[in-house]
């Protein structure tokens, strides 16, 4: 099962489908009239934990060889307006003169010229593990207004896709592992669940080798600052979505003086550890499910219990499907999760649940396959492989089997549908992982940085709204500026809210910082 604690690339696609309405309320004026400077002089050295030694000219003096993008295993070649290149970065940032790896980048050049062009705007679409090279062209129409003054740039972070992407299992082994119960009920199932986790980690280590210890969020933040220099920008202008907000916060902490205009949308709670993230998502997905059930005229408590009972029946007796494969409980809950990322998916969820109640698991299996990046021929994508390698290097917390069992009642109370799955996930995700985690929660304090605009959605299932306020607080006074959207789905920009879109555009294009606490409804 794909992990829910941080969103994956399929969530980025869902974000394109969200709908909403415009509107705002303006109370207070703490930040009114402030401007996010696009081109002030800046130190390129940054602060914080950055390597003290200057980077070699072989890195900072790179001239990317931009050319026509090629098709990848996950996507066709984009149109000719998109260009691709590679960037060399240190394998180990403590040894900038040592071995290097190549990061795949993609861009569409700005339509503006001369003084109208601000610079490059980097995008990270979340995961961790989402491919920017594959996602950026599809997202280009959503952010076309920003191309007036920015080159639109994204990349595959280290360990992802075309940037030394990690593959931990064969397609056959992935499909076989789908039969492992992610909510074990017996000692034998518990042992099988943990053995599967150990086996996955060993596969990652075999494939990644030395890279396994150098794919952290901190490593990627340092890659971003080198990318900024190579692209010729004095300041980093950045648009981070979901996990990309955590990456943006870590960057701001390491390089506060290099922060330009930064948008963080669908904000991850930086104060939460691994268990805290799982609890947050249990709350978020249950809230989205409650809102979905209300939209169909059902009582949320009764509707949730009906779905929980369905999942229990599937656990005891997996459902048949038109493909000949069985819909297991794990695949069923994965299929329920995907359409909750966007209100546009709710009618699909209704149909899939009705079919499952009648004994046919085909529609839920199709949704689960989409989330897990499985095509009709049985080929799987590797987003969740990269996601696990990155997050397990980040997360220090490793709950034991007994610790997890004690947490389960709390998870089940939070969500009768998703709680058990996310509770067990805390034990299995990084169990006996080959490398140690680096922190309980990321450091994102960024005193002295330019204002950073955070967009929180009150109906977000994957990154609950409360995380945006906590990120604003941890970034620091007059750094984190919160914009709230009262909507549904994962993320806000491009969702249909004229208020959100115009506020973000005004900030990125004109440097106009809205007042902290502005609300779009």
Protein backbone atom coordinates (compact mmCIF):
# COMPACT_ATOMS: atom_id res chain seq x y z
CA UNK A 1 0.00 0.00 0.00
CA UNK A 2 1.22 3.48 -0.76
CA UNK A 3 1.92 5.47 2.35
CA UNK A 4 -0.51 8.28 3.15
CA UNK A 5 1.68 10.36 5.46
CA UNK A 6 2.88 12.49 2.56
CA UNK A 7 1.18 12.83 -0.76
CA UNK A 8 2.46 11.23 -3.94
CA UNK A 9 2.50 12.25 -7.59
CA UNK A 10 -1.09 11.12 -8.14
CA UNK A 11 -2.11 13.81 -5.69
CA UNK A 12 -0.55 16.42 -7.97
CA UNK A 13 -2.80 15.24 -10.78
CA UNK A 14 -5.81 15.41 -8.45
CA UNK A 15 -4.92 18.99 -7.58
CA UNK A 16 -5.49 19.95 -11.21
CA UNK A 17 -9.12 18.82 -10.96
CA UNK A 18 -10.17 20.67 -7.82
CA UNK A 19 -12.90 23.28 -7.96
CA UNK A 20 -13.78 26.18 -5.69
CA UNK A 21 -15.12 29.74 -5.64
CA UNK A 22 -13.58 33.14 -5.09
CA UNK A 23 -14.03 35.65 -2.33
CA UNK A 24 -12.12 37.11 0.60
CA UNK A 25 -12.35 38.84 3.92
CA UNK A 26 -9.76 41.38 5.01
CA UNK A 27 -9.28 41.96 8.73
CA UNK A 28 -6.19 43.60 10.13
CA UNK A 29 -3.35 45.12 8.16
CA UNK A 30 -0.12 43.75 9.58
CA UNK A 31 1.47 43.06 6.20
CA UNK A 32 -0.53 45.37 3.95
CA UNK A 33 1.69 47.14 1.46
CA UNK A 34 4.76 45.03 2.13
CA UNK A 35 6.66 43.94 -0.92
CA UNK A 36 8.56 40.72 -1.55
CA UNK A 37 11.72 41.96 -3.24
CA UNK A 38 12.62 40.00 -6.34
CA UNK A 39 16.14 41.25 -6.98
CA UNK A 40 17.92 42.73 -3.95
CA UNK A 41 21.59 41.97 -3.53
CA UNK A 42 22.12 38.67 -1.71
CA UNK A 43 24.81 36.56 -0.20
CA UNK A 44 25.13 33.24 -1.96
CA UNK A 45 26.63 31.55 1.06
CA UNK A 46 23.46 31.30 3.16
CA UNK A 47 23.45 30.46 6.87
CA UNK A 48 22.69 27.58 9.16
CA UNK A 49 24.15 24.13 8.58
CA UNK A 50 25.48 24.80 5.08
CA UNK A 51 28.94 23.48 4.26
CA UNK A 52 31.43 26.18 5.27
CA UNK A 53 33.87 25.57 2.41
CA UNK A 54 33.05 27.41 -0.85
CA UNK A 55 31.73 25.21 -3.60
CA UNK A 56 34.15 24.33 -6.40
CA UNK A 57 33.81 26.22 -9.67
CA UNK A 58 33.13 22.90 -11.39
CA UNK A 59 29.73 23.02 -9.66
CA UNK A 60 28.86 26.73 -9.49
CA UNK A 61 30.16 27.42 -13.01
CA UNK A 62 28.00 24.81 -14.75
CA UNK A 63 26.23 25.80 -17.97
CA UNK A 64 23.24 23.48 -18.39
CA UNK A 65 22.94 22.10 -21.92
CA UNK A 66 19.23 22.74 -22.46
CA UNK A 67 17.73 20.65 -25.25
CA UNK A 68 14.59 18.82 -26.39
CA UNK A 69 13.10 16.61 -23.67
CA UNK A 70 12.85 12.89 -24.28
CA UNK A 71 10.08 10.48 -23.37
CA UNK A 72 10.47 8.69 -20.03
CA UNK A 73 9.15 5.42 -18.67
CA UNK A 74 6.34 7.40 -16.99
CA UNK A 75 5.42 9.96 -19.64
CA UNK A 76 5.63 10.93 -23.29
CA UNK A 77 8.00 13.66 -24.43
CA UNK A 78 6.43 17.09 -23.78
CA UNK A 79 5.95 19.71 -26.49
CA UNK A 80 8.89 21.64 -27.88
CA UNK A 81 8.41 24.62 -25.55
CA UNK A 82 9.84 22.44 -22.77
CA UNK A 83 13.59 21.95 -22.49
CA UNK A 84 15.57 19.49 -20.39
CA UNK A 85 19.09 19.46 -18.96
CA UNK A 86 21.15 17.95 -16.16
CA UNK A 87 22.76 19.50 -13.11
CA UNK A 88 25.72 17.96 -11.30
CA UNK A 89 25.47 18.02 -7.49
CA UNK A 90 27.68 16.46 -4.81
CA UNK A 91 26.69 12.95 -3.79
CA UNK A 92 27.69 13.89 -0.24
CA UNK A 93 27.28 17.57 0.62
CA UNK A 94 29.92 17.30 3.34
CA UNK A 95 32.37 16.50 0.51
CA UNK A 96 31.56 19.04 -2.24
CA UNK A 97 34.79 18.15 -4.07
CA UNK A 98 33.88 14.45 -4.12
CA UNK A 99 31.71 12.28 -6.32
CA UNK A 100 28.71 13.84 -8.06
CA UNK A 101 25.32 12.71 -9.28
CA UNK A 102 23.15 14.16 -12.05
CA UNK A 103 19.76 15.76 -11.43
CA UNK A 104 17.26 15.94 -14.30
CA UNK A 105 15.73 19.41 -14.83
CA UNK A 106 12.98 20.77 -17.07
CA UNK A 107 11.99 24.33 -17.97
CA UNK A 108 9.77 26.49 -20.14
CA UNK A 109 11.35 29.87 -20.75
CA UNK A 110 9.56 33.04 -19.70
CA UNK A 111 7.50 34.86 -22.30
CA UNK A 112 8.65 38.13 -20.74
CA UNK A 113 11.75 39.99 -21.83
CA UNK A 114 14.14 42.47 -20.28
CA UNK A 115 12.90 44.05 -17.05
CA UNK A 116 9.68 42.03 -17.12
CA UNK A 117 11.52 38.78 -16.48
CA UNK A 118 12.11 38.14 -12.76
CA UNK A 119 14.05 34.89 -12.99
CA UNK A 120 13.37 31.19 -12.50
CA UNK A 121 10.45 29.82 -10.48
CA UNK A 122 11.20 26.34 -9.14
CA UNK A 123 8.36 23.86 -8.50
CA UNK A 124 8.25 20.80 -6.27
CA UNK A 125 4.97 18.86 -6.46
CA UNK A 126 5.30 16.77 -3.32
CA UNK A 127 5.75 13.16 -2.35
CA UNK A 128 8.49 13.01 -1.38
CA UNK A 129 9.25 11.14 -4.56
CA UNK A 130 7.16 12.97 -7.14
CA UNK A 131 8.84 13.60 -10.50
CA UNK A 132 8.94 17.27 -11.41
CA UNK A 133 10.16 16.47 -14.92
CA UNK A 134 7.03 14.39 -15.60
CA UNK A 135 4.56 16.64 -13.74
CA UNK A 136 5.68 20.14 -14.76
CA UNK A 137 4.37 20.09 -18.36
CA UNK A 138 0.93 18.90 -17.18
CA UNK A 139 0.86 21.64 -14.54
CA UNK A 140 2.09 24.29 -16.97
CA UNK A 141 -1.39 25.42 -18.02
CA UNK A 142 -2.37 25.95 -14.38
CA UNK A 143 0.52 28.35 -13.84
CA UNK A 144 0.62 29.88 -17.32
CA UNK A 145 0.05 33.39 -15.90
CA UNK A 146 3.33 33.10 -13.99
CA UNK A 147 5.26 32.46 -17.20
CA UNK A 148 4.89 36.14 -18.04
CA UNK A 149 7.82 36.88 -15.77
CA UNK A 150 9.39 33.55 -14.80
CA UNK A 151 11.06 30.59 -16.42
CA UNK A 152 9.00 27.66 -15.11
CA UNK A 153 11.51 25.12 -13.75
CA UNK A 154 11.21 21.78 -12.02
CA UNK A 155 13.41 18.78 -11.44
CA UNK A 156 13.51 15.21 -10.21
CA UNK A 157 15.04 15.42 -6.71
CA UNK A 158 17.89 13.05 -5.92
CA UNK A 159 16.69 9.44 -5.71
CA UNK A 160 13.63 10.23 -7.87
CA UNK A 161 12.83 9.37 -11.50
CA UNK A 162 15.62 10.40 -13.85
CA UNK A 163 17.81 11.64 -10.95
CA UNK A 164 19.25 8.31 -9.82
CA UNK A 165 15.72 7.10 -9.10
CA UNK A 166 15.55 4.22 -6.64
CA UNK A 167 13.65 1.02 -7.43
CA UNK A 168 13.29 -1.33 -4.48
CA UNK A 169 11.21 -4.14 -6.02
CA UNK A 170 10.31 -5.72 -9.30
CA UNK A 171 6.78 -5.36 -10.63
CA UNK A 172 6.11 -9.02 -9.88
CA UNK A 173 7.27 -8.65 -6.28
CA UNK A 174 5.16 -5.50 -5.83
CA UNK A 175 2.03 -7.35 -6.94
CA UNK A 176 2.85 -10.30 -4.69
CA UNK A 177 3.30 -7.96 -1.71
CA UNK A 178 -0.21 -6.58 -2.21
CA UNK A 179 -1.49 -9.69 -0.46
CA UNK A 180 0.34 -8.73 2.76
CA UNK A 181 -2.19 -7.52 5.33
CA UNK A 182 -1.42 -3.91 6.32
CA UNK A 183 -3.68 -4.20 9.38
CA UNK A 184 -2.49 -7.54 10.81
CA UNK A 185 -4.90 -9.40 13.10
CA UNK A 186 -2.72 -12.34 14.14
CA UNK A 187 0.87 -12.91 15.20
CA UNK A 188 1.57 -14.60 11.88
CA UNK A 189 0.19 -11.58 9.96
CA UNK A 190 2.23 -9.21 12.14
CA UNK A 191 5.42 -11.12 11.36
CA UNK A 192 4.63 -11.19 7.64
CA UNK A 193 3.94 -7.45 7.68
CA UNK A 194 7.26 -6.61 9.34
CA UNK A 195 9.19 -9.11 7.19
CA UNK A 196 7.79 -7.38 4.12
CA UNK A 197 9.05 -4.03 5.42
CA UNK A 198 12.54 -5.41 6.04
CA UNK A 199 12.58 -6.98 2.58
CA UNK A 200 11.57 -3.69 0.98
CA UNK A 201 14.34 -1.80 2.78
CA UNK A 202 16.95 -4.35 1.70
CA UNK A 203 15.81 -3.99 -1.89
CA UNK A 204 16.18 -0.21 -1.66
CA UNK A 205 19.68 -0.53 -0.20
CA UNK A 206 20.74 -2.97 -2.92
CA UNK A 207 19.55 -0.63 -5.66
CA UNK A 208 20.60 2.73 -4.16
CA UNK A 209 23.92 1.77 -2.62
CA UNK A 210 25.81 4.78 -1.26
CA UNK A 211 23.06 7.13 -2.40
CA UNK A 212 20.73 5.64 0.25
CA UNK A 213 22.27 7.89 2.93
CA UNK A 214 22.21 11.06 0.80
CA UNK A 215 18.61 11.60 -0.34
CA UNK A 216 17.32 13.60 2.63
CA UNK A 217 15.24 16.75 2.46
CA UNK A 218 18.30 18.68 3.66
CA UNK A 219 20.35 17.28 0.77
CA UNK A 220 17.65 18.38 -1.70
CA UNK A 221 17.45 21.86 -0.15
CA UNK A 222 21.19 22.29 -0.75
CA UNK A 223 20.71 21.04 -4.31
CA UNK A 224 18.12 23.79 -4.76
CA UNK A 225 20.56 26.50 -3.76
CA UNK A 226 23.16 25.24 -6.22
CA UNK A 227 20.42 25.14 -8.87
CA UNK A 228 19.59 28.75 -8.03
CA UNK A 229 23.20 29.79 -8.61
CA UNK A 230 23.57 27.84 -11.84
CA UNK A 231 20.31 29.29 -13.17
CA UNK A 232 21.71 32.77 -12.50
CA UNK A 233 19.29 33.90 -9.79
CA UNK A 234 20.36 35.97 -6.79
CA UNK A 235 17.27 34.82 -4.91
CA UNK A 236 15.37 31.53 -4.95
CA UNK A 237 11.79 31.90 -6.19
CA UNK A 238 9.89 28.74 -5.37
CA UNK A 239 6.44 27.09 -5.47
CA UNK A 240 6.20 24.08 -3.15
CA UNK A 241 3.13 21.85 -2.86
CA UNK A 242 2.48 19.40 0.00
CA UNK A 243 5.84 17.77 0.89
CA UNK A 244 7.32 20.53 -1.27
CA UNK A 245 6.33 22.92 1.54
CA UNK A 246 8.54 21.02 3.97
CA UNK A 247 11.37 21.20 1.46
CA UNK A 248 10.77 24.94 1.10
CA UNK A 249 10.78 25.43 4.86
CA UNK A 250 14.06 23.55 5.25
CA UNK A 251 15.57 25.64 2.44
CA UNK A 252 14.46 28.86 4.15
CA UNK A 253 16.11 27.71 7.39
CA UNK A 254 19.40 26.88 5.69
CA UNK A 255 19.48 29.88 3.34
CA UNK A 256 17.27 32.66 4.78
CA UNK A 257 19.16 35.43 2.98
CA UNK A 258 18.58 33.71 -0.35
CA UNK A 259 14.78 33.49 -0.02
CA UNK A 260 12.98 35.36 -2.79
CA UNK A 261 9.27 34.95 -3.49
CA UNK A 262 8.19 31.62 -2.03
CA UNK A 263 4.73 30.02 -2.11
CA UNK A 264 3.94 27.02 0.10
CA UNK A 265 0.56 25.44 -0.79
CA UNK A 266 -1.02 22.45 1.05
CA UNK A 267 1.33 22.94 3.96
CA UNK A 268 2.92 20.08 5.91
CA UNK A 269 2.97 20.52 9.70
CA UNK A 270 6.68 21.00 10.52
CA UNK A 271 6.10 20.41 14.24
CA UNK A 272 4.82 16.84 13.76
CA UNK A 273 7.00 13.74 14.02
CA UNK A 274 6.24 10.56 12.04
CA UNK A 275 3.43 9.51 14.38
CA UNK A 276 2.09 13.06 14.43
CA UNK A 277 1.95 13.16 10.63
CA UNK A 278 0.03 9.87 10.61
CA UNK A 279 -2.48 11.25 13.12
CA UNK A 280 -2.83 14.46 11.12
CA UNK A 281 -3.64 12.50 7.99
CA UNK A 282 -6.08 10.26 9.80
CA UNK A 283 -7.91 13.44 10.85
CA UNK A 284 -7.61 14.99 7.40
CA UNK A 285 -8.88 12.04 5.40
CA UNK A 286 -11.69 11.41 7.88
CA UNK A 287 -12.73 15.06 7.57
CA UNK A 288 -12.75 14.73 3.77
CA UNK A 289 -14.76 11.51 4.02
CA UNK A 290 -17.23 13.16 6.41
CA UNK A 291 -17.67 16.05 3.96
CA UNK A 292 -18.14 13.61 1.10
CA UNK A 293 -20.76 11.64 3.05
CA UNK A 294 -22.63 14.84 3.93
CA UNK A 295 -22.70 15.76 0.23
CA UNK A 296 -24.52 12.48 -0.49
CA UNK A 297 -27.07 13.06 2.28
CA UNK A 298 -25.56 10.48 4.64
CA UNK A 299 -24.83 10.81 8.33
CA UNK A 300 -20.99 10.88 8.50
CA UNK A 301 -20.80 8.62 11.55
CA UNK A 302 -23.17 6.03 10.11
CA UNK A 303 -21.62 6.26 6.65
CA UNK A 304 -18.10 5.79 8.04
CA UNK A 305 -19.20 2.76 10.04
CA UNK A 306 -20.77 1.26 6.91
CA UNK A 307 -17.47 1.70 5.01
CA UNK A 308 -15.45 0.34 7.95
CA UNK A 309 -17.70 -2.74 8.02
CA UNK A 310 -17.17 -3.18 4.26
CA UNK A 311 -13.40 -3.06 4.74
CA UNK A 312 -13.63 -5.65 7.51
CA UNK A 313 -15.58 -7.98 5.22
CA UNK A 314 -13.00 -7.50 2.46
CA UNK A 315 -10.23 -8.27 4.97
CA UNK A 316 -11.91 -11.61 5.68
CA UNK A 317 -12.81 -12.30 2.05
CA UNK A 318 -11.20 -10.20 -0.74
CA UNK A 319 -13.57 -9.19 -3.53
CA UNK A 320 -13.38 -10.50 -7.09
CA UNK A 321 -12.69 -8.07 -9.94
CA UNK A 322 -13.06 -8.09 -13.70
CA UNK A 323 -9.27 -8.34 -14.07
CA UNK A 324 -9.10 -11.63 -12.21
CA UNK A 325 -7.11 -10.04 -9.37
CA UNK A 326 -8.57 -9.84 -5.89
CA UNK A 327 -9.41 -6.58 -4.14
CA UNK A 328 -7.75 -6.87 -0.74
CA UNK A 329 -8.55 -4.64 2.22
CA UNK A 330 -5.32 -2.73 1.66
CA UNK A 331 -6.15 -2.07 -2.00
CA UNK A 332 -9.70 -1.12 -1.07
CA UNK A 333 -8.67 1.60 1.38
CA UNK A 334 -6.12 2.88 -1.14
CA UNK A 335 -8.93 3.11 -3.70
CA UNK A 336 -11.05 5.11 -1.25
CA UNK A 337 -8.22 7.52 -0.53
CA UNK A 338 -7.52 8.65 -4.10
CA UNK A 339 -10.87 10.33 -4.91
CA UNK A 340 -10.79 12.15 -1.56
CA UNK A 341 -7.85 14.23 -2.82
CA UNK A 342 -10.30 16.23 -4.93
CA UNK A 343 -14.01 17.01 -4.77
CA UNK A 344 -14.10 16.14 -8.47
CA UNK A 345 -13.46 12.53 -7.45
CA UNK A 346 -16.47 12.18 -5.18
CA UNK A 347 -18.92 10.83 -7.80
CA UNK A 348 -16.34 8.20 -8.75
CA UNK A 349 -16.05 7.19 -5.09
CA UNK A 350 -19.83 6.80 -4.84
CA UNK A 351 -19.92 4.43 -7.80
CA UNK A 352 -16.92 2.41 -6.56
CA UNK A 353 -18.35 2.00 -3.05
CA UNK A 354 -21.76 0.95 -4.39
CA UNK A 355 -20.13 -1.69 -6.60
CA UNK A 356 -18.02 -2.98 -3.72
CA UNK A 357 -21.07 -3.25 -1.46
CA UNK A 358 -22.62 -5.40 -4.19
CA UNK A 359 -19.58 -7.67 -4.25
CA UNK A 360 -17.59 -6.28 -7.20
CA UNK A 361 -14.20 -4.75 -6.36
CA UNK A 362 -13.29 -3.71 -9.92
CA UNK A 363 -13.81 0.05 -9.54
CA UNK A 364 -11.95 0.34 -6.23
CA UNK A 365 -9.12 -1.70 -7.71
CA UNK A 366 -8.89 0.69 -10.67
CA UNK A 367 -8.59 3.62 -8.25
CA UNK A 368 -5.97 1.80 -6.17
CA UNK A 369 -3.97 1.00 -9.29
CA UNK A 370 -4.04 4.67 -10.28
CA UNK A 371 -2.72 5.66 -6.86
CA UNK A 372 -0.04 2.97 -7.01
CA UNK A 373 0.93 3.91 -10.60
CA UNK A 374 0.09 0.47 -12.00
CA UNK A 375 -0.72 0.29 -15.70
CA UNK A 376 -2.95 -2.38 -17.30
CA UNK A 377 0.10 -4.48 -18.22
CA UNK A 378 1.16 -4.74 -14.58
CA UNK A 379 4.00 -2.22 -14.65
CA UNK A 380 4.33 -0.05 -11.54
CA UNK A 381 5.82 3.39 -11.07
CA UNK A 382 8.48 4.02 -8.45
CA UNK A 383 7.18 7.15 -6.70
CA UNK A 384 6.43 5.25 -3.50
CA UNK A 385 9.91 3.68 -3.58
CA UNK A 386 11.58 7.08 -3.65
CA UNK A 387 9.07 8.40 -1.12
CA UNK A 388 9.99 5.74 1.39
CA UNK A 389 13.75 6.08 0.90
CA UNK A 390 13.61 9.85 1.41
CA UNK A 391 11.17 9.91 4.32
CA UNK A 392 12.89 7.10 6.22
CA UNK A 393 16.19 8.98 5.95
CA UNK A 394 14.43 12.08 7.29
CA UNK A 395 12.37 10.49 10.08
CA UNK A 396 14.23 9.47 13.23
CA UNK A 397 11.15 8.06 14.94
CA UNK A 398 10.79 4.26 14.68
CA UNK A 399 7.82 2.97 16.74
CA UNK A 400 8.17 -0.66 17.79
CA UNK A 401 5.44 -3.23 17.32
CA UNK A 402 4.35 -2.90 20.94
CA UNK A 403 4.41 0.91 20.83
CA UNK A 404 2.24 0.86 17.72
CA UNK A 405 -0.29 -1.50 19.30
CA UNK A 406 -0.69 0.96 22.18
CA UNK A 407 -1.32 3.77 19.66
CA UNK A 408 -3.99 1.90 17.67
CA UNK A 409 -7.00 2.77 19.89
CA UNK A 410 -6.20 6.48 19.49
CA UNK A 411 -5.90 6.12 15.71
CA UNK A 412 -9.17 4.17 15.54
CA UNK A 413 -10.89 6.88 17.56
CA UNK A 414 -9.61 9.55 15.17
CA UNK A 415 -10.86 7.66 12.12
CA UNK A 416 -12.82 4.39 11.97
CA UNK A 417 -11.95 4.07 8.27
CA UNK A 418 -8.31 5.20 8.00
CA UNK A 419 -7.03 5.10 11.58
CA UNK A 420 -6.03 1.44 11.74
CA UNK A 421 -4.13 1.62 8.44
CA UNK A 422 -2.21 4.75 9.36
CA UNK A 423 -1.56 3.48 12.85
CA UNK A 424 0.01 0.26 11.60
CA UNK A 425 1.92 2.25 9.01
CA UNK A 426 3.96 3.89 11.79
CA UNK A 427 5.40 0.48 12.66
CA UNK A 428 5.93 -0.89 9.19
CA UNK A 429 7.05 2.07 7.12
CA UNK A 430 10.66 2.33 8.34
CA UNK A 431 10.92 -0.90 10.34
CA UNK A 432 14.55 -2.03 10.69
CA UNK A 433 15.53 0.46 7.98
CA UNK A 434 19.13 0.19 6.68
CA UNK A 435 19.99 3.84 7.49
CA UNK A 436 19.18 5.93 10.55
CA UNK A 437 16.72 8.82 10.40
CA UNK A 438 17.99 12.37 10.81
CA UNK A 439 15.36 14.29 12.80
CA UNK A 440 12.06 13.99 14.66
CA UNK A 441 10.71 17.07 12.88
CA UNK A 442 12.41 19.44 10.43
CA UNK A 443 13.87 22.80 11.47
CA UNK A 444 12.25 25.57 9.44
CA UNK A 445 12.90 28.73 11.45
CA UNK A 446 14.04 31.41 9.00
CA UNK A 447 14.72 34.66 10.84
CA UNK A 448 15.66 37.41 8.41
CA UNK A 449 14.06 35.76 5.37
CA UNK A 450 11.73 37.68 3.06
CA UNK A 451 7.97 37.10 3.59
CA UNK A 452 6.87 33.58 2.60
CA UNK A 453 3.24 33.10 1.55
CA UNK A 454 1.54 29.96 2.90
CA UNK A 455 -1.79 28.77 1.50
CA UNK A 456 -3.88 26.57 3.80
CA UNK A 457 -7.07 24.80 2.72
CA UNK A 458 -9.56 24.07 5.52
CA UNK A 459 -10.79 20.92 3.71
CA UNK A 460 -7.39 19.45 2.80
CA UNK A 461 -7.31 15.68 3.51
CA UNK A 462 -3.58 15.01 3.12
CA UNK A 463 -2.11 18.10 4.79
CA UNK A 464 -4.70 19.36 7.28
CA UNK A 465 -5.14 23.11 7.59
CA UNK A 466 -3.62 23.37 11.06
CA UNK A 467 -0.21 22.60 9.60
CA UNK A 468 -0.19 25.89 7.68
CA UNK A 469 -0.56 27.95 10.85
CA UNK A 470 2.18 25.96 12.57
CA UNK A 471 4.50 26.44 9.60
CA UNK A 472 3.84 30.19 9.70
CA UNK A 473 4.64 30.27 13.40
CA UNK A 474 7.84 28.25 13.04
CA UNK A 475 9.15 30.25 10.09
CA UNK A 476 9.08 33.24 12.40
CA UNK A 477 7.48 36.62 12.91
CA UNK A 478 6.97 38.61 9.71
CA UNK A 479 8.27 35.67 7.64
CA UNK A 480 5.32 33.27 7.51
CA UNK A 481 2.21 34.94 6.01
CA UNK A 482 -0.95 32.78 6.02
CA UNK A 483 -3.66 32.83 3.34
CA UNK A 484 -6.67 30.62 4.13
CA UNK A 485 -9.02 29.05 1.60
CA UNK A 486 -12.29 27.53 2.79
CA UNK A 487 -12.40 24.78 0.21
CA UNK A 488 -12.10 21.04 -0.43
CA UNK A 489 -9.29 18.93 -1.81
CA UNK A 490 -5.52 18.83 -1.60
CA UNK A 491 -4.06 22.26 -2.29
CA UNK A 492 -5.65 25.57 -3.24
CA UNK A 493 -3.93 27.33 -6.15
CA UNK A 494 -5.59 26.46 -9.46
CA UNK A 495 -8.61 25.04 -7.64
CA UNK A 496 -11.07 27.56 -9.05
CA UNK A 497 -10.79 30.27 -6.39
CA UNK A 498 -10.16 33.62 -8.08
CA UNK A 499 -9.29 35.01 -4.66
CA UNK A 500 -6.51 32.47 -4.04
CA UNK A 501 -5.14 32.63 -7.57
CA UNK A 502 -5.05 36.42 -7.77
CA UNK A 503 -3.45 36.75 -4.32
CA UNK A 504 -0.72 34.28 -5.24
CA UNK A 505 -0.19 35.89 -8.66
CA UNK A 506 0.04 39.38 -7.15
CA UNK A 507 2.66 38.12 -4.70
CA UNK A 508 4.76 36.28 -7.27
CA UNK A 509 4.46 38.77 -10.13
CA UNK A 510 4.29 42.11 -8.31
CA UNK A 511 5.77 41.30 -4.91
CA UNK A 512 2.55 42.30 -3.09
CA UNK A 513 2.41 40.52 0.26
CA UNK A 514 -1.18 40.08 1.53
CA UNK A 515 -1.98 40.71 5.14
CA UNK A 516 -1.40 37.74 7.40
CA UNK A 517 -4.72 35.99 7.98
CA UNK A 518 -6.47 36.86 4.72
CA UNK A 519 -9.36 34.45 4.02
CA UNK A 520 -10.75 33.31 0.66
CA UNK A 521 -14.11 31.56 0.81
